[in-house]
Amino acid sequence: MPSASTLRQQIESALAHRIPSALTPAPRVIRPMIPTGVAEMDAMLDGGLPVGAMTEMAGPETSGRTALALSFLRSLTDTGRACAWIDVSDTFDPESAAAVGVDLARVLWVRCGVPKAAMKPSRELQFSLPEKYLIAASTKKGVHGGGCGGHPRKEVKGLAGAVHELLRPETFAPRCAEPQRRVRTEREAFLPQPQTSPAPANTRSHSGKPWTRIEQALRATDLILQAGGFSTIVLDMGSIAPEHTSRVPLATWFRYRAAAERAQSSFLLLTQHPCAKSSSELLLKFLPGEARHDEATVFTGLAHRVEVERQRFTQPPSNVVALRKTPQRANATLWKSQTPWAGAR
C-alpha cells in the first residue's frame, strides 16, 4: 500500500492543470505582495509591495520614485488590472509611461490644478505650432480682386450705426486753443500686508495654489477609494514642497489606510518628505540618483539607492528563542533605471 506522501504527490500531479498544489497548504502570510518589476527591490522586500496597505516613497527629485511606481503599474496592467494615478502638480508624462510598458488604457489619470479652458475635447486636441512651420492657406478669389470678402450688399449692414457713432460730438478732437480740463488720477499705493499666522490644517478655505491642488487631490482620492475596483492608487505629491504636504491631517492618511485595506488595493504615496507617519505600512527612502557612465557621450540612465525606513509585520510572531543571533536582513539596495533610447543591454 503506498504511503500518504506518495498518494499526495499522485493526486497533486493529476490535478495540477486544474488546482495547483491541491493538498499543500499555502504559506501563511500577513499580507500578499505584488512584484514591482525590479528584481533588487523585490528581493529586499520579500516579494514586492504589500496589498491592502499604504506604501510611502519619500525622496527628492530624480531619486527614482516615479520610475519605481511606473514599473509597479506596468506589472499590474500587464495582468489586466485597473490603476489610478492622481497627479497633484500635473507632471505625469503619458509618453514616458507608455515607453516603459504601462497600458494607458487601464490607467485613470486625474489631473489637479488644470483650468477648464485647457481641457479640450479629444477631437479638438491639436498641436499649436508657430505660423512659420505651417503651410500657408490658398487665397480665395472673391469680388475684391483675390480677397476673401463677401458680397457688397452684406457690407452695407451696420454702416448707418457706424456713421452715427462717428459723427457724435464727443468723437471730434478739441482744438488747440480751447482749454483742456485735466483729470487728476490718484496713484495707487501698495502697502505691505501684515504677516498672519498660518491657518490650521483642518480648515477648508485656503487661497494658496498648492493647497488648492492638494484639496482637489484628496477629494479625488476619497472618491476613487470609495468606488473601488482599482488594484493600485498612486497619489503623486512629489513636486509639492514639504511645508504644504505636512499640513494634511493625520486622520486623512489613517482613513486612506483603512479604505485601502477594505478595498484590497495598494496605495502608493510619492512625497519629498515622509508625512503619513504610522499610517504607512512601508516607508521607502530614496536617495538622489547618480548618472550612469556606461557611455561617454550618451545619457543611459541613473543609479538609485533605496533604504527601508519602516516596515511593519516583517516576521511572524514566534515563541522560539534562538541561541544564536539571527541574521539581519538588508534594509538598502541599489537598482538602475535605463532611458528608452539606450536599448537593451
C-alpha atoms as a PDB file:
ATOM      1  CA  MET A   1       0.000   0.000   0.000  1.00  0.00           C
ATOM      2  CA  PRO A   2       1.537   3.334  -0.979  1.00  0.00           C
ATOM      3  CA  SER A   3       2.324   5.845   1.709  1.00  0.00           C
ATOM      4  CA  ALA A   4       0.445   9.090   2.349  1.00  0.00           C
ATOM      5  CA  SER A   5       3.154  11.220   0.765  1.00  0.00           C
ATOM      6  CA  THR A   6       3.058   9.099  -2.403  1.00  0.00           C
ATOM      7  CA  LEU A   7      -0.742   9.416  -2.608  1.00  0.00           C
ATOM      8  CA  ARG A   8      -0.463  13.178  -2.144  1.00  0.00           C
ATOM      9  CA  GLN A   9       2.034  13.501  -4.990  1.00  0.00           C
ATOM     10  CA  GLN A  10      -0.154  11.394  -7.283  1.00  0.00           C
ATOM     11  CA  ILE A  11      -3.277  13.426  -6.529  1.00  0.00           C
ATOM     12  CA  GLU A  12      -1.476  16.778  -6.961  1.00  0.00           C
ATOM     13  CA  SER A  13       0.094  15.670 -10.244  1.00  0.00           C
ATOM     14  CA  ALA A  14      -3.321  14.575 -11.541  1.00  0.00           C
ATOM     15  CA  LEU A  15      -4.967  17.876 -10.563  1.00  0.00           C
ATOM     16  CA  ALA A  16      -2.024  20.128 -11.422  1.00  0.00           C
ATOM     17  CA  HIS A  17      -3.695  21.567 -14.543  1.00  0.00           C
ATOM     18  CA  ARG A  18      -6.871  22.435 -12.586  1.00  0.00           C
ATOM     19  CA  ILE A  19      -5.888  23.004  -8.929  1.00  0.00           C
ATOM     20  CA  PRO A  20      -2.150  23.570  -8.390  1.00  0.00           C
ATOM     21  CA  SER A  21      -0.950  22.317  -5.001  1.00  0.00           C
ATOM     22  CA  ALA A  22      -4.396  20.967  -4.097  1.00  0.00           C
ATOM     23  CA  LEU A  23      -3.299  19.210  -0.880  1.00  0.00           C
ATOM     24  CA  THR A  24      -0.403  21.507   0.061  1.00  0.00           C
ATOM     25  CA  PRO A  25      -1.463  24.357   2.356  1.00  0.00           C
ATOM     26  CA  ALA A  26      -0.479  27.812   1.193  1.00  0.00           C
ATOM     27  CA  PRO A  27       2.212  29.544   3.240  1.00  0.00           C
ATOM     28  CA  ARG A  28       0.820  31.816   5.918  1.00  0.00           C
ATOM     29  CA  VAL A  29       1.468  35.446   5.083  1.00  0.00           C
ATOM     30  CA  ILE A  30       0.240  38.574   6.811  1.00  0.00           C
ATOM     31  CA  ARG A  31      -0.286  40.497   3.583  1.00  0.00           C
ATOM     32  CA  PRO A  32       0.054  39.360  -0.045  1.00  0.00           C
ATOM     33  CA  MET A  33       2.725  41.016  -2.129  1.00  0.00           C
ATOM     34  CA  ILE A  34       2.785  42.245  -5.737  1.00  0.00           C
ATOM     35  CA  PRO A  35       6.162  42.356  -7.535  1.00  0.00           C
ATOM     36  CA  THR A  36       7.451  45.782  -8.502  1.00  0.00           C
ATOM     37  CA  GLY A  37       9.212  44.604 -11.651  1.00  0.00           C
ATOM     38  CA  VAL A  38      12.640  45.497 -10.197  1.00  0.00           C
ATOM     39  CA  ALA A  39      14.477  42.368  -9.082  1.00  0.00           C
ATOM     40  CA  GLU A  40      16.593  44.169  -6.476  1.00  0.00           C
ATOM     41  CA  MET A  41      13.548  45.742  -4.823  1.00  0.00           C
ATOM     42  CA  ASP A  42      11.547  42.501  -4.826  1.00  0.00           C
ATOM     43  CA  ALA A  43      14.430  40.642  -3.176  1.00  0.00           C
ATOM     44  CA  MET A  44      14.764  43.271  -0.451  1.00  0.00           C
ATOM     45  CA  LEU A  45      11.003  43.483   0.218  1.00  0.00           C
ATOM     46  CA  ASP A  46      10.404  39.702   0.142  1.00  0.00           C
ATOM     47  CA  GLY A  47       8.206  39.758  -2.940  1.00  0.00           C
ATOM     48  CA  GLY A  48       7.208  43.348  -3.640  1.00  0.00           C
ATOM     49  CA  LEU A  49       4.804  45.950  -2.281  1.00  0.00           C
ATOM     50  CA  PRO A  50       2.031  44.961   0.152  1.00  0.00           C
ATOM     51  CA  VAL A  51      -1.609  44.700  -0.931  1.00  0.00           C
ATOM     52  CA  GLY A  52      -4.257  46.460   1.130  1.00  0.00           C
ATOM     53  CA  ALA A  53      -1.789  48.858   2.745  1.00  0.00           C
ATOM     54  CA  MET A  54      -0.152  52.237   2.207  1.00  0.00           C
ATOM     55  CA  THR A  55       3.389  52.464   0.884  1.00  0.00           C
ATOM     56  CA  GLU A  56       5.143  55.823   1.142  1.00  0.00           C
ATOM     57  CA  MET A  57       8.030  56.656  -1.181  1.00  0.00           C
ATOM     58  CA  ALA A  58       9.908  59.713   0.035  1.00  0.00           C
ATOM     59  CA  GLY A  59      12.845  61.331  -1.694  1.00  0.00           C
ATOM     60  CA  PRO A  60      13.997  64.333  -3.747  1.00  0.00           C
ATOM     61  CA  GLU A  61      13.634  64.821  -7.474  1.00  0.00           C
ATOM     62  CA  THR A  62      15.373  62.313  -9.806  1.00  0.00           C
ATOM     63  CA  SER A  63      15.621  59.794  -6.979  1.00  0.00           C
ATOM     64  CA  GLY A  64      13.654  57.019  -8.706  1.00  0.00           C
ATOM     65  CA  ARG A  65      10.214  57.318  -7.056  1.00  0.00           C
ATOM     66  CA  THR A  66       8.281  57.771 -10.281  1.00  0.00           C
ATOM     67  CA  ALA A  67      10.347  55.139 -12.118  1.00  0.00           C
ATOM     68  CA  LEU A  68       9.572  52.528  -9.461  1.00  0.00           C
ATOM     69  CA  ALA A  69       5.879  53.478  -9.410  1.00  0.00           C
ATOM     70  CA  LEU A  70       5.668  53.167 -13.210  1.00  0.00           C
ATOM     71  CA  SER A  71       7.383  49.780 -13.063  1.00  0.00           C
ATOM     72  CA  PHE A  72       4.806  48.686 -10.479  1.00  0.00           C
ATOM     73  CA  LEU A  73       1.967  49.900 -12.712  1.00  0.00           C
ATOM     74  CA  ARG A  74       3.428  48.001 -15.649  1.00  0.00           C
ATOM     75  CA  SER A  75       3.360  44.726 -13.706  1.00  0.00           C
ATOM     76  CA  LEU A  76      -0.296  45.346 -12.833  1.00  0.00           C
ATOM     77  CA  THR A  77      -1.547  46.490 -16.220  1.00  0.00           C
ATOM     78  CA  ASP A  78       0.134  43.517 -17.903  1.00  0.00           C
ATOM     79  CA  THR A  79      -2.237  41.253 -15.949  1.00  0.00           C
ATOM     80  CA  GLY A  80      -5.307  43.297 -16.959  1.00  0.00           C
ATOM     81  CA  ARG A  81      -5.794  45.233 -13.699  1.00  0.00           C
ATOM     82  CA  ALA A  82      -7.001  48.830 -13.441  1.00  0.00           C
ATOM     83  CA  CYS A  83      -4.886  51.520 -11.776  1.00  0.00           C
ATOM     84  CA  ALA A  84      -5.330  55.188 -10.869  1.00  0.00           C
ATOM     85  CA  TRP A  85      -2.711  57.975 -10.909  1.00  0.00           C
ATOM     86  CA  ILE A  86      -3.676  61.177  -9.057  1.00  0.00           C
ATOM     87  CA  ASP A  87      -1.365  63.882 -10.382  1.00  0.00           C
ATOM     88  CA  VAL A  88      -1.326  66.818  -7.955  1.00  0.00           C
ATOM     89  CA  SER A  89       1.115  69.033  -9.891  1.00  0.00           C
ATOM     90  CA  ASP A  90       0.141  67.909 -13.415  1.00  0.00           C
ATOM     91  CA  THR A  91       3.623  66.478 -14.073  1.00  0.00           C
ATOM     92  CA  PHE A  92       2.696  62.967 -15.225  1.00  0.00           C
ATOM     93  CA  ASP A  93       4.066  62.181 -18.701  1.00  0.00           C
ATOM     94  CA  PRO A  94       1.975  59.562 -20.548  1.00  0.00           C
ATOM     95  CA  GLU A  95       4.657  59.090 -23.221  1.00  0.00           C
ATOM     96  CA  SER A  96       7.237  58.091 -20.607  1.00  0.00           C
ATOM     97  CA  ALA A  97       4.746  55.709 -19.008  1.00  0.00           C
ATOM     98  CA  ALA A  98       3.965  54.092 -22.350  1.00  0.00           C
ATOM     99  CA  ALA A  99       7.694  53.801 -23.104  1.00  0.00           C
ATOM    100  CA  VAL A 100       8.268  51.595 -20.046  1.00  0.00           C
ATOM    101  CA  GLY A 101       5.339  49.328 -20.960  1.00  0.00           C
ATOM    102  CA  VAL A 102       2.367  50.734 -18.992  1.00  0.00           C
ATOM    103  CA  ASP A 103      -1.004  50.061 -20.639  1.00  0.00           C
ATOM    104  CA  LEU A 104      -2.522  53.551 -20.560  1.00  0.00           C
ATOM    105  CA  ALA A 105      -5.963  52.161 -21.419  1.00  0.00           C
ATOM    106  CA  ARG A 106      -6.088  50.701 -17.896  1.00  0.00           C
ATOM    107  CA  VAL A 107      -4.835  53.800 -16.058  1.00  0.00           C
ATOM    108  CA  LEU A 108      -7.147  56.532 -14.737  1.00  0.00           C
ATOM    109  CA  TRP A 109      -5.226  59.830 -14.863  1.00  0.00           C
ATOM    110  CA  VAL A 110      -6.597  62.520 -12.526  1.00  0.00           C
ATOM    111  CA  ARG A 111      -5.077  65.941 -13.244  1.00  0.00           C
ATOM    112  CA  CYS A 112      -5.301  68.553 -10.474  1.00  0.00           C
ATOM    113  CA  GLY A 113      -4.921  72.303 -10.863  1.00  0.00           C
ATOM    114  CA  VAL A 114      -5.682  72.328 -14.600  1.00  0.00           C
ATOM    115  CA  PRO A 115      -8.040  75.174 -15.699  1.00  0.00           C
ATOM    116  CA  LYS A 116     -11.158  74.248 -17.603  1.00  0.00           C
ATOM    117  CA  ALA A 117     -10.040  76.319 -20.600  1.00  0.00           C
ATOM    118  CA  ALA A 118      -7.052  73.992 -21.043  1.00  0.00           C
ATOM    119  CA  MET A 119      -9.206  70.871 -21.005  1.00  0.00           C
ATOM    120  CA  LYS A 120     -10.431  70.476 -24.594  1.00  0.00           C
ATOM    121  CA  PRO A 121     -12.322  67.539 -26.046  1.00  0.00           C
ATOM    122  CA  SER A 122     -10.249  64.807 -27.618  1.00  0.00           C
ATOM    123  CA  ARG A 123     -11.489  65.677 -31.116  1.00  0.00           C
ATOM    124  CA  GLU A 124     -10.226  69.243 -30.816  1.00  0.00           C
ATOM    125  CA  LEU A 125      -6.775  68.421 -29.462  1.00  0.00           C
ATOM    126  CA  GLN A 126      -4.066  69.653 -31.780  1.00  0.00           C
ATOM    127  CA  PHE A 127      -0.530  70.949 -31.514  1.00  0.00           C
ATOM    128  CA  SER A 128      -0.126  74.731 -31.509  1.00  0.00           C
ATOM    129  CA  LEU A 129       2.834  75.390 -33.811  1.00  0.00           C
ATOM    130  CA  PRO A 130       4.106  78.767 -34.979  1.00  0.00           C
ATOM    131  CA  GLU A 131       2.795  80.018 -38.313  1.00  0.00           C
ATOM    132  CA  LYS A 132       6.204  79.760 -39.972  1.00  0.00           C
ATOM    133  CA  TYR A 133       6.037  75.957 -39.608  1.00  0.00           C
ATOM    134  CA  LEU A 134       2.563  75.751 -41.173  1.00  0.00           C
ATOM    135  CA  ILE A 135       1.651  75.727 -44.861  1.00  0.00           C
ATOM    136  CA  ALA A 136       0.057  78.983 -45.976  1.00  0.00           C
ATOM    137  CA  ALA A 137      -3.620  78.733 -46.869  1.00  0.00           C
ATOM    138  CA  SER A 138      -4.549  79.172 -50.510  1.00  0.00           C
ATOM    139  CA  THR A 139      -6.014  82.560 -51.474  1.00  0.00           C
ATOM    140  CA  LYS A 140      -9.703  82.506 -52.244  1.00  0.00           C
ATOM    141  CA  LYS A 141     -10.857  84.528 -55.223  1.00  0.00           C
ATOM    142  CA  GLY A 142     -13.632  86.979 -54.384  1.00  0.00           C
ATOM    143  CA  VAL A 143     -15.241  90.199 -55.508  1.00  0.00           C
ATOM    144  CA  HIS A 144     -12.327  92.311 -54.299  1.00  0.00           C
ATOM    145  CA  GLY A 145      -9.738  91.031 -56.719  1.00  0.00           C
ATOM    146  CA  GLY A 146      -8.446  87.954 -54.993  1.00  0.00           C
ATOM    147  CA  GLY A 147      -9.596  88.792 -51.446  1.00  0.00           C
ATOM    148  CA  CYS A 148     -11.857  86.835 -49.146  1.00  0.00           C
ATOM    149  CA  GLY A 149     -14.588  89.457 -48.743  1.00  0.00           C
ATOM    150  CA  GLY A 150     -18.248  88.756 -49.155  1.00  0.00           C
ATOM    151  CA  HIS A 151     -20.921  90.406 -51.266  1.00  0.00           C
ATOM    152  CA  PRO A 152     -21.031  94.260 -51.146  1.00  0.00           C
ATOM    153  CA  ARG A 153     -24.693  94.087 -50.164  1.00  0.00           C
ATOM    154  CA  LYS A 154     -23.733  92.456 -46.876  1.00  0.00           C
ATOM    155  CA  GLU A 155     -21.150  95.110 -46.116  1.00  0.00           C
ATOM    156  CA  VAL A 156     -23.839  97.820 -46.073  1.00  0.00           C
ATOM    157  CA  LYS A 157     -25.363  96.278 -42.953  1.00  0.00           C
ATOM    158  CA  GLY A 158     -24.321  98.260 -39.860  1.00  0.00           C
ATOM    159  CA  LEU A 159     -22.980 101.164 -41.890  1.00  0.00           C
ATOM    160  CA  ALA A 160     -25.639 103.589 -40.612  1.00  0.00           C
ATOM    161  CA  GLY A 161     -24.801 102.836 -36.993  1.00  0.00           C
ATOM    162  CA  ALA A 162     -21.098 103.237 -37.616  1.00  0.00           C
ATOM    163  CA  VAL A 163     -21.559 106.619 -39.269  1.00  0.00           C
ATOM    164  CA  HIS A 164     -23.803 107.772 -36.386  1.00  0.00           C
ATOM    165  CA  GLU A 165     -21.126 106.880 -33.867  1.00  0.00           C
ATOM    166  CA  LEU A 166     -18.511 108.610 -35.990  1.00  0.00           C
ATOM    167  CA  LEU A 167     -20.444 111.914 -36.151  1.00  0.00           C
ATOM    168  CA  ARG A 168     -21.081 112.191 -32.416  1.00  0.00           C
ATOM    169  CA  PRO A 169     -19.739 115.496 -30.944  1.00  0.00           C
ATOM    170  CA  GLU A 170     -17.520 113.872 -28.357  1.00  0.00           C
ATOM    171  CA  THR A 171     -15.684 111.933 -31.039  1.00  0.00           C
ATOM    172  CA  PHE A 172     -14.143 115.071 -32.538  1.00  0.00           C
ATOM    173  CA  ALA A 173     -10.797 116.083 -31.063  1.00  0.00           C
ATOM    174  CA  PRO A 174     -10.798 119.554 -29.425  1.00  0.00           C
ATOM    175  CA  ARG A 175      -8.897 122.378 -30.997  1.00  0.00           C
ATOM    176  CA  CYS A 176      -5.567 123.517 -29.610  1.00  0.00           C
ATOM    177  CA  ALA A 177      -6.831 126.963 -28.499  1.00  0.00           C
ATOM    178  CA  GLU A 178      -9.511 125.544 -26.254  1.00  0.00           C
ATOM    179  CA  PRO A 179      -8.559 124.987 -22.613  1.00  0.00           C
ATOM    180  CA  GLN A 180      -8.162 121.389 -21.659  1.00  0.00           C
ATOM    181  CA  ARG A 181      -9.564 120.006 -18.462  1.00  0.00           C
ATOM    182  CA  ARG A 182      -7.048 117.956 -16.639  1.00  0.00           C
ATOM    183  CA  VAL A 183      -8.213 114.912 -14.821  1.00  0.00           C
ATOM    184  CA  ARG A 184      -6.089 114.163 -11.822  1.00  0.00           C
ATOM    185  CA  THR A 185      -5.540 110.491 -11.270  1.00  0.00           C
ATOM    186  CA  GLU A 186      -4.530 109.271  -7.872  1.00  0.00           C
ATOM    187  CA  ARG A 187      -1.589 106.953  -7.721  1.00  0.00           C
ATOM    188  CA  GLU A 188      -2.153 103.566  -6.274  1.00  0.00           C
ATOM    189  CA  ALA A 189      -0.281 102.835  -3.096  1.00  0.00           C
ATOM    190  CA  PHE A 190       0.739  99.297  -2.326  1.00  0.00           C
ATOM    191  CA  LEU A 191       1.187  98.781   1.392  1.00  0.00           C
ATOM    192  CA  PRO A 192       2.888  95.679   2.769  1.00  0.00           C
ATOM    193  CA  GLN A 193       0.432  93.161   4.090  1.00  0.00           C
ATOM    194  CA  PRO A 194       0.846  92.192   7.740  1.00  0.00           C
ATOM    195  CA  GLN A 195       2.113  88.697   8.310  1.00  0.00           C
ATOM    196  CA  THR A 196      -0.571  86.481   9.706  1.00  0.00           C
ATOM    197  CA  SER A 197      -0.202  83.176  11.427  1.00  0.00           C
ATOM    198  CA  PRO A 198      -0.749  80.125   9.196  1.00  0.00           C
ATOM    199  CA  ALA A 199      -4.249  78.762   9.194  1.00  0.00           C
ATOM    200  CA  PRO A 200      -4.865  75.437  10.921  1.00  0.00           C
ATOM    201  CA  ALA A 201      -4.662  72.312   8.820  1.00  0.00           C
ATOM    202  CA  ASN A 202      -8.290  71.342   9.295  1.00  0.00           C
ATOM    203  CA  THR A 203      -9.673  74.486   7.618  1.00  0.00           C
ATOM    204  CA  ARG A 204     -11.049  74.089   4.099  1.00  0.00           C
ATOM    205  CA  SER A 205     -10.589  77.642   2.775  1.00  0.00           C
ATOM    206  CA  HIS A 206      -7.036  78.195   1.535  1.00  0.00           C
ATOM    207  CA  SER A 207      -6.023  80.757  -1.031  1.00  0.00           C
ATOM    208  CA  GLY A 208      -2.660  79.227  -1.940  1.00  0.00           C
ATOM    209  CA  LYS A 209      -2.483  77.361  -5.224  1.00  0.00           C
ATOM    210  CA  PRO A 210      -0.510  74.376  -3.897  1.00  0.00           C
ATOM    211  CA  TRP A 211      -3.065  73.743  -1.170  1.00  0.00           C
ATOM    212  CA  THR A 212      -5.918  74.124  -3.666  1.00  0.00           C
ATOM    213  CA  ARG A 213      -4.421  71.351  -5.786  1.00  0.00           C
ATOM    214  CA  ILE A 214      -3.878  69.229  -2.679  1.00  0.00           C
ATOM    215  CA  GLU A 215      -7.529  69.621  -1.729  1.00  0.00           C
ATOM    216  CA  GLN A 216      -8.620  68.529  -5.206  1.00  0.00           C
ATOM    217  CA  ALA A 217      -6.323  65.507  -4.990  1.00  0.00           C
ATOM    218  CA  LEU A 218      -7.608  64.487  -1.560  1.00  0.00           C
ATOM    219  CA  ARG A 219     -11.217  64.696  -2.685  1.00  0.00           C
ATOM    220  CA  ALA A 220     -10.474  62.672  -5.814  1.00  0.00           C
ATOM    221  CA  THR A 221      -8.671  60.074  -3.713  1.00  0.00           C
ATOM    222  CA  ASP A 222     -11.693  59.743  -1.438  1.00  0.00           C
ATOM    223  CA  LEU A 223     -13.978  59.146  -4.408  1.00  0.00           C
ATOM    224  CA  ILE A 224     -11.678  56.573  -6.010  1.00  0.00           C
ATOM    225  CA  LEU A 225     -11.182  54.642  -2.770  1.00  0.00           C
ATOM    226  CA  GLN A 226     -14.922  54.564  -2.131  1.00  0.00           C
ATOM    227  CA  ALA A 227     -15.661  53.460  -5.696  1.00  0.00           C
ATOM    228  CA  GLY A 228     -13.239  50.509  -5.545  1.00  0.00           C
ATOM    229  CA  GLY A 229     -12.129  48.379  -8.452  1.00  0.00           C
ATOM    230  CA  PHE A 230      -8.548  49.722  -8.647  1.00  0.00           C
ATOM    231  CA  SER A 231      -5.631  47.443  -7.833  1.00  0.00           C
ATOM    232  CA  THR A 232      -3.380  50.355  -7.011  1.00  0.00           C
ATOM    233  CA  ILE A 233      -3.830  54.086  -6.437  1.00  0.00           C
ATOM    234  CA  VAL A 234      -0.839  56.407  -6.787  1.00  0.00           C
ATOM    235  CA  LEU A 235      -1.042  59.821  -5.110  1.00  0.00           C
ATOM    236  CA  ASP A 236       1.813  61.791  -6.682  1.00  0.00           C
ATOM    237  CA  MET A 237       2.769  64.710  -4.408  1.00  0.00           C
ATOM    238  CA  GLY A 238       6.452  64.607  -5.302  1.00  0.00           C
ATOM    239  CA  SER A 239       6.522  68.155  -6.706  1.00  0.00           C
ATOM    240  CA  ILE A 240       4.812  69.737  -3.677  1.00  0.00           C
ATOM    241  CA  ALA A 241       7.003  71.349  -1.022  1.00  0.00           C
ATOM    242  CA  PRO A 242       7.108  69.539   2.344  1.00  0.00           C
ATOM    243  CA  GLU A 243       5.625  72.544   4.184  1.00  0.00           C
ATOM    244  CA  HIS A 244       2.394  72.032   2.227  1.00  0.00           C
ATOM    245  CA  THR A 245       2.172  68.244   2.418  1.00  0.00           C
ATOM    246  CA  SER A 246       2.790  68.276   6.170  1.00  0.00           C
ATOM    247  CA  ARG A 247      -0.422  70.279   6.649  1.00  0.00           C
ATOM    248  CA  VAL A 248      -2.566  67.308   5.638  1.00  0.00           C
ATOM    249  CA  PRO A 249      -4.216  65.953   8.816  1.00  0.00           C
ATOM    250  CA  LEU A 250      -3.042  62.564  10.030  1.00  0.00           C
ATOM    251  CA  ALA A 251      -6.673  61.445  10.172  1.00  0.00           C
ATOM    252  CA  THR A 252      -6.762  61.682   6.364  1.00  0.00           C
ATOM    253  CA  TRP A 253      -3.907  59.217   5.952  1.00  0.00           C
ATOM    254  CA  PHE A 254      -5.458  56.886   8.525  1.00  0.00           C
ATOM    255  CA  ARG A 255      -8.741  56.958   6.595  1.00  0.00           C
ATOM    256  CA  TYR A 256      -6.937  56.155   3.347  1.00  0.00           C
ATOM    257  CA  ARG A 257      -5.122  53.258   5.001  1.00  0.00           C
ATOM    258  CA  ALA A 258      -8.393  51.785   6.283  1.00  0.00           C
ATOM    259  CA  ALA A 259     -10.077  52.255   2.884  1.00  0.00           C
ATOM    260  CA  ALA A 260      -7.157  50.603   1.046  1.00  0.00           C
ATOM    261  CA  GLU A 261      -7.288  47.627   3.410  1.00  0.00           C
ATOM    262  CA  ARG A 262     -11.023  47.317   2.913  1.00  0.00           C
ATOM    263  CA  ALA A 263     -10.733  47.500  -0.898  1.00  0.00           C
ATOM    264  CA  GLN A 264      -7.576  45.326  -1.002  1.00  0.00           C
ATOM    265  CA  SER A 265      -5.697  47.809  -3.161  1.00  0.00           C
ATOM    266  CA  SER A 266      -2.125  49.054  -2.925  1.00  0.00           C
ATOM    267  CA  PHE A 267      -1.912  52.746  -2.071  1.00  0.00           C
ATOM    268  CA  LEU A 268       1.322  54.495  -3.107  1.00  0.00           C
ATOM    269  CA  LEU A 269       2.185  57.954  -1.770  1.00  0.00           C
ATOM    270  CA  LEU A 270       5.003  59.846  -3.504  1.00  0.00           C
ATOM    271  CA  THR A 271       6.403  62.740  -1.449  1.00  0.00           C
ATOM    272  CA  GLN A 272       9.630  64.590  -0.834  1.00  0.00           C
ATOM    273  CA  HIS A 273       9.446  64.150   2.943  1.00  0.00           C
ATOM    274  CA  PRO A 274       7.544  61.479   4.938  1.00  0.00           C
ATOM    275  CA  CYS A 275       4.197  62.802   6.126  1.00  0.00           C
ATOM    276  CA  ALA A 276       1.898  59.785   6.645  1.00  0.00           C
ATOM    277  CA  LYS A 277       3.642  58.707   9.885  1.00  0.00           C
ATOM    278  CA  SER A 278       2.332  55.393  11.258  1.00  0.00           C
ATOM    279  CA  SER A 279      -0.439  55.123   8.651  1.00  0.00           C
ATOM    280  CA  SER A 280       2.056  53.833   6.075  1.00  0.00           C
ATOM    281  CA  GLU A 281       2.993  50.189   6.459  1.00  0.00           C
ATOM    282  CA  LEU A 282       6.107  50.534   4.316  1.00  0.00           C
ATOM    283  CA  LEU A 283       8.311  53.630   4.123  1.00  0.00           C
ATOM    284  CA  LEU A 284      10.987  53.735   1.419  1.00  0.00           C
ATOM    285  CA  LYS A 285      13.592  56.485   1.472  1.00  0.00           C
ATOM    286  CA  PHE A 286      15.067  57.324  -1.931  1.00  0.00           C
ATOM    287  CA  LEU A 287      18.446  58.999  -2.187  1.00  0.00           C
ATOM    288  CA  PRO A 288      19.438  61.287  -5.093  1.00  0.00           C
ATOM    289  CA  GLY A 289      20.298  59.276  -8.199  1.00  0.00           C
ATOM    290  CA  GLU A 290      23.675  59.314  -9.893  1.00  0.00           C
ATOM    291  CA  ALA A 291      24.237  59.276 -13.635  1.00  0.00           C
ATOM    292  CA  ARG A 292      25.466  56.017 -15.102  1.00  0.00           C
ATOM    293  CA  HIS A 293      28.758  56.013 -17.022  1.00  0.00           C
ATOM    294  CA  ASP A 294      28.038  53.211 -19.477  1.00  0.00           C
ATOM    295  CA  GLU A 295      28.682  55.522 -22.442  1.00  0.00           C
ATOM    296  CA  ALA A 296      30.942  58.522 -22.718  1.00  0.00           C
ATOM    297  CA  THR A 297      28.609  60.814 -24.646  1.00  0.00           C
ATOM    298  CA  VAL A 298      25.128  59.297 -24.208  1.00  0.00           C
ATOM    299  CA  PHE A 299      22.986  59.524 -21.078  1.00  0.00           C
ATOM    300  CA  THR A 300      21.821  55.956 -20.449  1.00  0.00           C
ATOM    301  CA  GLY A 301      20.125  56.191 -17.057  1.00  0.00           C
ATOM    302  CA  LEU A 302      20.529  56.677 -13.312  1.00  0.00           C
ATOM    303  CA  ALA A 303      21.748  54.541 -10.421  1.00  0.00           C
ATOM    304  CA  HIS A 304      19.421  54.723  -7.407  1.00  0.00           C
ATOM    305  CA  ARG A 305      19.760  53.763  -3.767  1.00  0.00           C
ATOM    306  CA  VAL A 306      16.710  52.907  -1.668  1.00  0.00           C
ATOM    307  CA  GLU A 307      16.558  52.360   2.083  1.00  0.00           C
ATOM    308  CA  VAL A 308      13.720  50.836   4.118  1.00  0.00           C
ATOM    309  CA  GLU A 309      12.955  53.256   6.937  1.00  0.00           C
ATOM    310  CA  ARG A 310       9.936  51.405   8.331  1.00  0.00           C
ATOM    311  CA  GLN A 311       8.304  48.063   7.553  1.00  0.00           C
ATOM    312  CA  ARG A 312       5.590  46.603   9.738  1.00  0.00           C
ATOM    313  CA  PHE A 313       4.929  42.879  10.198  1.00  0.00           C
ATOM    314  CA  THR A 314       8.325  41.800   8.922  1.00  0.00           C
ATOM    315  CA  GLN A 315       8.448  38.482  10.804  1.00  0.00           C
ATOM    316  CA  PRO A 316       5.629  36.272  12.128  1.00  0.00           C
ATOM    317  CA  PRO A 317       5.409  36.086  15.912  1.00  0.00           C
ATOM    318  CA  SER A 318       7.166  33.099  17.421  1.00  0.00           C
ATOM    319  CA  ASN A 319       7.837  31.930  20.961  1.00  0.00           C
ATOM    320  CA  VAL A 320      11.060  30.145  19.999  1.00  0.00           C
ATOM    321  CA  VAL A 321      14.163  31.953  21.221  1.00  0.00           C
ATOM    322  CA  ALA A 322      17.190  31.251  19.062  1.00  0.00           C
ATOM    323  CA  LEU A 323      20.516  30.628  20.780  1.00  0.00           C
ATOM    324  CA  ARG A 324      22.400  32.333  18.001  1.00  0.00           C
ATOM    325  CA  LYS A 325      21.857  35.793  16.708  1.00  0.00           C
ATOM    326  CA  THR A 326      19.537  35.744  13.727  1.00  0.00           C
ATOM    327  CA  PRO A 327      20.960  37.207  10.522  1.00  0.00           C
ATOM    328  CA  GLN A 328      19.845  40.755   9.867  1.00  0.00           C
ATOM    329  CA  ARG A 329      18.063  41.393   6.627  1.00  0.00           C
ATOM    330  CA  ALA A 330      19.277  44.060   4.215  1.00  0.00           C
ATOM    331  CA  ASN A 331      17.418  47.344   4.507  1.00  0.00           C
ATOM    332  CA  ALA A 332      19.016  49.053   1.494  1.00  0.00           C
ATOM    333  CA  THR A 333      19.568  48.169  -2.128  1.00  0.00           C
ATOM    334  CA  LEU A 334      20.852  49.609  -5.399  1.00  0.00           C
ATOM    335  CA  TRP A 335      18.997  49.477  -8.688  1.00  0.00           C
ATOM    336  CA  LYS A 336      19.403  51.112 -12.069  1.00  0.00           C
ATOM    337  CA  SER A 337      16.923  52.831 -14.358  1.00  0.00           C
ATOM    338  CA  GLN A 338      17.515  52.971 -18.085  1.00  0.00           C
ATOM    339  CA  THR A 339      16.434  55.503 -20.694  1.00  0.00           C
ATOM    340  CA  PRO A 340      14.264  54.284 -23.594  1.00  0.00           C
ATOM    341  CA  TRP A 341      16.842  55.295 -26.230  1.00  0.00           C
ATOM    342  CA  ALA A 342      19.631  53.295 -24.578  1.00  0.00           C
ATOM    343  CA  GLY A 343      18.160  49.964 -25.788  1.00  0.00           C
ATOM    344  CA  ALA A 344      18.609  46.511 -24.286  1.00  0.00           C
ATOM    345  CA  ARG A 345      21.960  45.865 -22.601  1.00  0.00           C
END
